Amino acid sequence: MSGETRGSASSAIEATLEARFPPGLSGVVGGYWPTQGEFDVLPYLRRVVEAGGAVALPLVETRGAPLRYRLWTPQAPMEIGRWDILHPAEGPEATPDLLLVPLVGFDAAGHRLGYGGGYFDRTLARLKPRPIAVGLGFELGRLATLAPQVHDQPMDLIITERGPFSQHYR
């Protein structure tokens, strides 16, 4: 994507995300630190904190295990974790009520393609009650099907620059 196209697409995703989940009104928002061209969710997460809401970011403590989430603010000390992704260096753990998940690819059934580690799938399978899972990504990642496996956890809602769509959103 060109810089201009990416900027326009990102603005559209942010506007839809903020309209569907106004900052400060969604309990604990589980975000992510963007990497490798993923949609940059950090501006939204900062607005959540500014509105008095709680944000938590994931960390991989054990390879192959579900993600753990620590509370985050823009002032939080950060450290580099697995795959050179930043996470809060310290702080209390939190369980997300709303889980924002980056999309490398996705299909109309709400399944997502990530980088192959299965961390978000394991995390969603473990969390009770299951948070609302919202995939965030660009239309260029839309695929006909991902041929999901039994362990794959579908997103409740997917937001791209074309807007939201869902097969599962409650």
Protein backbone atom coordinates (compact mmCIF):
# COMPACT_ATOMS: atom_id res chain seq x y z
CA MET A 1 0.00 0.00 0.00
CA SER A 2 1.19 3.50 -0.69
CA GLY A 3 1.60 5.76 2.31
CA GLU A 4 -1.41 7.81 1.26
CA THR A 5 -3.63 4.74 0.78
CA ARG A 6 -2.48 3.26 4.07
CA GLY A 7 -3.15 6.53 5.90
CA SER A 8 -6.65 6.80 4.45
CA ALA A 9 -7.41 3.13 5.21
CA SER A 10 -6.08 3.47 8.76
CA SER A 11 -8.24 6.54 9.39
CA ALA A 12 -11.34 4.66 8.22
CA ILE A 13 -10.53 1.68 10.48
CA GLU A 14 -9.95 3.98 13.47
CA ALA A 15 -13.24 5.82 12.88
CA THR A 16 -15.21 2.56 12.76
CA LEU A 17 -13.41 1.14 15.80
CA GLU A 18 -14.08 4.29 17.83
CA ALA A 19 -17.74 4.44 16.75
CA ARG A 20 -18.37 0.78 17.66
CA PHE A 21 -16.29 0.83 20.86
CA PRO A 22 -16.08 4.38 22.25
CA PRO A 23 -12.90 4.92 24.29
CA GLY A 24 -13.43 4.35 27.99
CA LEU A 25 -16.66 2.33 27.65
CA SER A 26 -15.48 -1.23 26.92
CA GLY A 27 -14.00 -2.50 30.20
CA VAL A 28 -10.41 -3.65 29.77
CA VAL A 29 -9.31 -3.29 26.15
CA GLY A 30 -6.71 -5.87 25.15
CA GLY A 31 -4.62 -4.32 22.40
CA TYR A 32 -1.35 -5.18 20.71
CA TRP A 33 1.91 -3.49 19.79
CA PRO A 34 1.85 -3.27 15.97
CA THR A 35 4.62 -4.92 14.01
CA GLN A 36 5.36 -5.89 10.42
CA GLY A 37 2.87 -3.52 8.80
CA GLU A 38 -0.10 -4.40 11.02
CA PHE A 39 -2.81 -1.77 11.54
CA ASP A 40 -1.52 0.68 14.16
CA VAL A 41 -4.00 0.49 17.02
CA LEU A 42 -1.89 2.65 19.38
CA PRO A 43 -3.69 5.97 18.70
CA TYR A 44 -7.01 4.35 19.66
CA LEU A 45 -5.46 2.75 22.77
CA ARG A 46 -4.10 6.14 23.85
CA ARG A 47 -7.60 7.64 23.52
CA VAL A 48 -8.98 4.79 25.66
CA VAL A 49 -6.50 5.65 28.41
CA GLU A 50 -7.20 9.41 28.03
CA ALA A 51 -10.92 8.67 28.46
CA GLY A 52 -10.23 6.87 31.75
CA GLY A 53 -10.38 3.35 30.33
CA ALA A 54 -8.04 0.45 30.93
CA VAL A 55 -5.72 -1.00 28.27
CA ALA A 56 -3.67 -4.17 28.49
CA LEU A 57 -1.01 -5.43 26.10
CA PRO A 58 0.02 -9.04 25.55
CA LEU A 59 3.25 -10.74 26.33
CA VAL A 60 4.48 -14.18 25.45
CA GLU A 61 5.80 -15.69 28.65
CA THR A 62 6.08 -19.26 27.41
CA ARG A 63 6.32 -20.33 23.79
CA GLY A 64 3.13 -22.15 22.77
CA ALA A 65 1.12 -20.95 25.80
CA PRO A 66 -1.76 -18.44 25.83
CA LEU A 67 -0.86 -14.78 25.98
CA ARG A 68 -0.76 -12.93 29.29
CA TYR A 69 -1.93 -9.33 29.44
CA ARG A 70 -0.47 -6.50 31.53
CA LEU A 71 -2.05 -3.12 32.08
CA TRP A 72 -0.52 -0.41 29.90
CA THR A 73 -0.43 3.38 29.69
CA PRO A 74 1.62 5.48 27.26
CA GLN A 75 4.03 6.18 30.15
CA ALA A 76 4.56 2.51 31.04
CA PRO A 77 8.13 1.22 30.87
CA MET A 78 8.34 -1.20 27.95
CA GLU A 79 10.64 -4.10 27.17
CA ILE A 80 11.32 -6.13 24.08
CA GLY A 81 9.79 -9.59 24.13
CA ARG A 82 9.73 -12.51 21.74
CA TRP A 83 9.92 -11.57 18.08
CA ASP A 84 11.10 -8.10 19.13
CA ILE A 85 7.58 -6.97 20.08
CA LEU A 86 7.26 -4.48 22.93
CA HIS A 87 5.16 -5.18 26.02
CA PRO A 88 4.85 -3.59 29.47
CA ALA A 89 7.96 -4.41 31.52
CA GLU A 90 5.94 -4.68 34.72
CA GLY A 91 2.52 -4.14 36.16
CA PRO A 92 -0.58 -6.06 37.12
CA GLU A 93 -2.14 -8.63 34.86
CA ALA A 94 -5.57 -7.96 33.41
CA THR A 95 -8.19 -9.96 31.55
CA PRO A 96 -9.53 -8.20 28.45
CA ASP A 97 -13.25 -7.68 27.95
CA LEU A 98 -12.60 -6.50 24.39
CA LEU A 99 -9.71 -8.11 22.52
CA LEU A 100 -8.28 -6.30 19.49
CA VAL A 101 -6.39 -8.69 17.22
CA PRO A 102 -4.21 -7.85 14.20
CA LEU A 103 -5.08 -9.47 10.88
CA VAL A 104 -2.55 -10.55 8.31
CA GLY A 105 -5.39 -12.25 6.43
CA PHE A 106 -9.03 -13.08 7.09
CA ASP A 107 -12.08 -14.66 5.49
CA ALA A 108 -15.82 -13.99 5.45
CA ALA A 109 -16.40 -16.55 8.22
CA GLY A 110 -14.37 -14.41 10.63
CA HIS A 111 -11.26 -16.58 10.71
CA ARG A 112 -7.91 -14.84 10.80
CA LEU A 113 -4.44 -15.49 9.59
CA GLY A 114 -1.61 -14.33 11.80
CA TYR A 115 2.04 -15.32 11.82
CA GLY A 116 1.41 -18.98 12.65
CA GLY A 117 2.04 -19.11 16.38
CA GLY A 118 -1.58 -19.69 17.42
CA TYR A 119 -1.25 -17.38 20.43
CA PHE A 120 -4.50 -15.49 19.94
CA ASP A 121 -6.41 -18.74 19.28
CA ARG A 122 -5.09 -20.30 22.51
CA THR A 123 -5.82 -17.12 24.43
CA LEU A 124 -9.41 -16.85 23.17
CA ALA A 125 -10.02 -20.53 23.92
CA ARG A 126 -8.79 -20.07 27.50
CA LEU A 127 -10.48 -16.83 28.53
CA LYS A 128 -13.78 -17.24 30.40
CA PRO A 129 -15.92 -15.39 29.75
CA ARG A 130 -14.64 -15.03 26.22
CA PRO A 131 -13.95 -11.39 25.37
CA ILE A 132 -15.40 -9.78 22.27
CA ALA A 133 -12.73 -10.51 19.65
CA VAL A 134 -12.30 -7.81 17.01
CA GLY A 135 -9.91 -8.37 14.11
CA LEU A 136 -8.32 -5.21 12.69
CA GLY A 137 -6.73 -5.16 9.27
CA PHE A 138 -6.72 -4.01 5.69
CA GLU A 139 -8.96 -5.22 2.86
CA LEU A 140 -5.95 -6.44 0.92
CA GLY A 141 -5.81 -9.29 3.46
CA ARG A 142 -9.29 -10.60 2.58
CA LEU A 143 -9.14 -14.21 1.34
CA ALA A 144 -11.81 -16.56 -0.02
CA THR A 145 -11.22 -19.03 2.81
CA LEU A 146 -8.55 -19.95 5.30
CA ALA A 147 -9.58 -23.61 5.63
CA PRO A 148 -9.78 -23.23 9.42
CA GLN A 149 -8.75 -25.99 11.78
CA VAL A 150 -10.85 -27.07 14.79
CA HIS A 151 -8.66 -25.04 17.17
CA ASP A 152 -9.00 -21.79 15.18
CA GLN A 153 -11.07 -19.16 17.00
CA PRO A 154 -13.17 -16.90 14.75
CA MET A 155 -13.35 -13.19 15.36
CA ASP A 156 -16.69 -11.81 16.53
CA LEU A 157 -16.21 -8.75 14.34
CA ILE A 158 -13.71 -7.72 11.68
CA ILE A 159 -13.03 -4.08 10.87
CA THR A 160 -11.30 -2.98 7.68
CA GLU A 161 -11.30 0.29 5.79
CA ARG A 162 -14.58 -0.84 4.16
CA GLY A 163 -16.22 -0.96 7.58
CA PRO A 164 -17.26 -3.70 10.01
CA PHE A 165 -18.54 -7.14 9.16
CA SER A 166 -19.45 -10.10 11.29
CA GLN A 167 -20.70 -13.63 11.29
CA HIS A 168 -20.56 -13.96 15.06
CA TYR A 169 -20.86 -10.58 16.80
CA ARG A 170 -23.25 -10.72 19.73
